[in-house]
Amino acid sequence: MRISISHDTVQRGWLFKTTYYEVSLSVALTHEEKQIIRQRNLQKTKLLDRRPADAKNDARDEKFELRVEHVLTGRTDRFLCATPSRAKIYEDNLLAMLGQMKLWLDDNAETGARTVVEL
């Protein structure tokens, strides 16, 4: 798994411009990791709850979830934050979550073996 994260400043709006801080995430999975995800049917698994800075108040939270299927395609995921501090905190959350995802994929690679315990 190769992870690439970059930060950019973006201005949105036609008349009243608002400055946002964009965090771009690209994940390149190995062929083996992609096979584990497909064989175990893990595409719809939620990785991270998030809500961008430009989200409307009545927008559903499920619309903004980061799921395995989003990183499986290899496309860049862009997320807008209100401040540079929130962008850095979001990056820390991404790195922690992707580290857990790597461990989780390793656990899903094979079924468990027989265990005998004497108490």
Protein backbone atom coordinates (compact mmCIF):
# COMPACT_ATOMS: atom_id res chain seq x y z
CA MET A 1 0.00 0.00 0.00
CA ARG A 2 1.43 3.35 -1.05
CA ILE A 3 -0.19 6.51 0.32
CA SER A 4 0.19 10.02 -1.04
CA ILE A 5 -1.31 13.04 0.77
CA SER A 6 -1.02 16.64 -0.39
CA HIS A 7 -2.43 19.99 0.81
CA ASP A 8 -3.70 22.83 -1.38
CA THR A 9 -5.51 26.12 -0.88
CA VAL A 10 -8.71 26.42 -2.91
CA GLN A 11 -11.12 29.32 -3.37
CA ARG A 12 -14.76 28.50 -4.04
CA GLY A 13 -17.74 30.67 -4.80
CA TRP A 14 -18.74 32.89 -7.63
CA LEU A 15 -19.50 36.22 -6.02
CA PHE A 16 -18.32 35.74 -2.45
CA LYS A 17 -15.11 33.73 -2.51
CA THR A 18 -14.40 31.41 0.40
CA THR A 19 -10.98 29.91 1.04
CA TYR A 20 -10.80 26.20 1.85
CA TYR A 21 -7.86 23.94 2.54
CA GLU A 22 -7.99 20.81 0.41
CA VAL A 23 -6.43 17.50 1.44
CA SER A 24 -5.86 15.14 -1.50
CA LEU A 25 -5.43 11.43 -0.83
CA SER A 26 -4.17 8.82 -3.29
CA VAL A 27 -3.80 5.18 -2.28
CA ALA A 28 -2.14 2.59 -4.50
CA LEU A 29 -3.03 -0.91 -3.33
CA THR A 30 -1.08 -4.00 -4.31
CA HIS A 31 -2.70 -6.67 -6.44
CA GLU A 32 -2.88 -8.95 -3.39
CA GLU A 33 -4.66 -6.30 -1.30
CA LYS A 34 -7.20 -5.70 -4.08
CA GLN A 35 -7.85 -9.44 -4.30
CA ILE A 36 -8.43 -9.69 -0.53
CA ILE A 37 -10.95 -6.84 -0.70
CA ARG A 38 -12.82 -8.40 -3.63
CA GLN A 39 -12.79 -11.99 -2.31
CA ARG A 40 -13.98 -11.01 1.16
CA ASN A 41 -16.49 -8.48 -0.27
CA LEU A 42 -15.12 -5.57 1.80
CA GLN A 43 -15.81 -2.71 -0.66
CA LYS A 44 -18.72 -1.16 1.28
CA THR A 45 -16.85 -1.12 4.61
CA LYS A 46 -16.75 2.38 6.13
CA LEU A 47 -13.27 3.63 6.94
CA LEU A 48 -13.90 7.16 8.17
CA ASP A 49 -16.81 9.44 9.08
CA ARG A 50 -16.20 12.93 7.79
CA ARG A 51 -18.03 16.12 6.80
CA PRO A 52 -16.42 18.70 4.48
CA ALA A 53 -16.35 22.40 5.29
CA ASP A 54 -18.63 23.26 2.34
CA ALA A 55 -21.35 20.70 3.22
CA LYS A 56 -24.92 21.92 3.47
CA ASN A 57 -26.63 21.61 6.86
CA ASP A 58 -29.31 19.23 5.61
CA ALA A 59 -26.92 16.92 3.69
CA ARG A 60 -26.86 13.29 4.82
CA ASP A 61 -23.68 12.14 6.60
CA GLU A 62 -23.58 8.89 4.60
CA LYS A 63 -22.82 10.95 1.49
CA PHE A 64 -19.42 11.98 2.89
CA GLU A 65 -18.18 8.66 4.34
CA LEU A 66 -14.83 7.35 3.16
CA ARG A 67 -15.27 3.67 2.23
CA VAL A 68 -12.91 0.98 0.96
CA GLU A 69 -14.39 1.25 -2.54
CA HIS A 70 -13.18 4.88 -2.75
CA VAL A 71 -9.53 3.96 -2.20
CA LEU A 72 -9.79 0.73 -4.23
CA THR A 73 -10.15 2.58 -7.54
CA GLY A 74 -6.87 4.48 -7.14
CA ARG A 75 -8.47 7.84 -7.90
CA THR A 76 -7.56 10.90 -5.85
CA ASP A 77 -9.97 11.67 -3.01
CA ARG A 78 -10.27 15.40 -2.29
CA PHE A 79 -11.62 16.73 1.01
CA LEU A 80 -12.16 20.37 2.01
CA CYS A 81 -11.32 21.69 5.48
CA ALA A 82 -12.10 25.11 6.95
CA THR A 83 -8.66 25.83 8.44
CA PRO A 84 -5.08 24.62 7.93
CA SER A 85 -5.18 23.12 11.42
CA ARG A 86 -8.24 21.00 10.58
CA ALA A 87 -6.50 19.87 7.38
CA LYS A 88 -3.51 18.64 9.38
CA ILE A 89 -5.76 16.90 11.92
CA TYR A 90 -7.63 15.26 9.04
CA GLU A 91 -4.31 14.07 7.58
CA ASP A 92 -3.35 12.53 10.95
CA ASN A 93 -6.73 10.75 11.07
CA LEU A 94 -6.21 9.46 7.52
CA LEU A 95 -2.77 8.05 8.31
CA ALA A 96 -4.01 6.34 11.48
CA MET A 97 -7.02 4.88 9.65
CA LEU A 98 -4.93 3.62 6.71
CA GLY A 99 -2.46 1.99 9.10
CA GLN A 100 -5.37 0.15 10.70
CA MET A 101 -6.68 -0.77 7.24
CA LYS A 102 -3.33 -2.37 6.38
CA LEU A 103 -3.45 -4.50 9.54
CA TRP A 104 -7.10 -5.35 8.85
CA LEU A 105 -6.29 -6.50 5.30
CA ASP A 106 -3.45 -8.67 6.62
CA ASP A 107 -5.90 -10.26 9.09
CA ASN A 108 -8.39 -10.94 6.28
CA ALA A 109 -5.79 -12.58 4.04
CA GLU A 110 -6.19 -16.05 5.59
CA THR A 111 -8.64 -17.81 7.81
CA GLY A 112 -7.71 -18.59 11.39
CA ALA A 113 -5.94 -21.79 12.38
CA ARG A 114 -7.01 -24.28 14.99
CA THR A 115 -6.17 -23.27 18.56
CA VAL A 116 -6.01 -25.59 21.56
CA VAL A 117 -5.80 -24.08 25.04
CA GLU A 118 -5.59 -25.94 28.34
CA LEU A 119 -6.84 -24.09 31.39
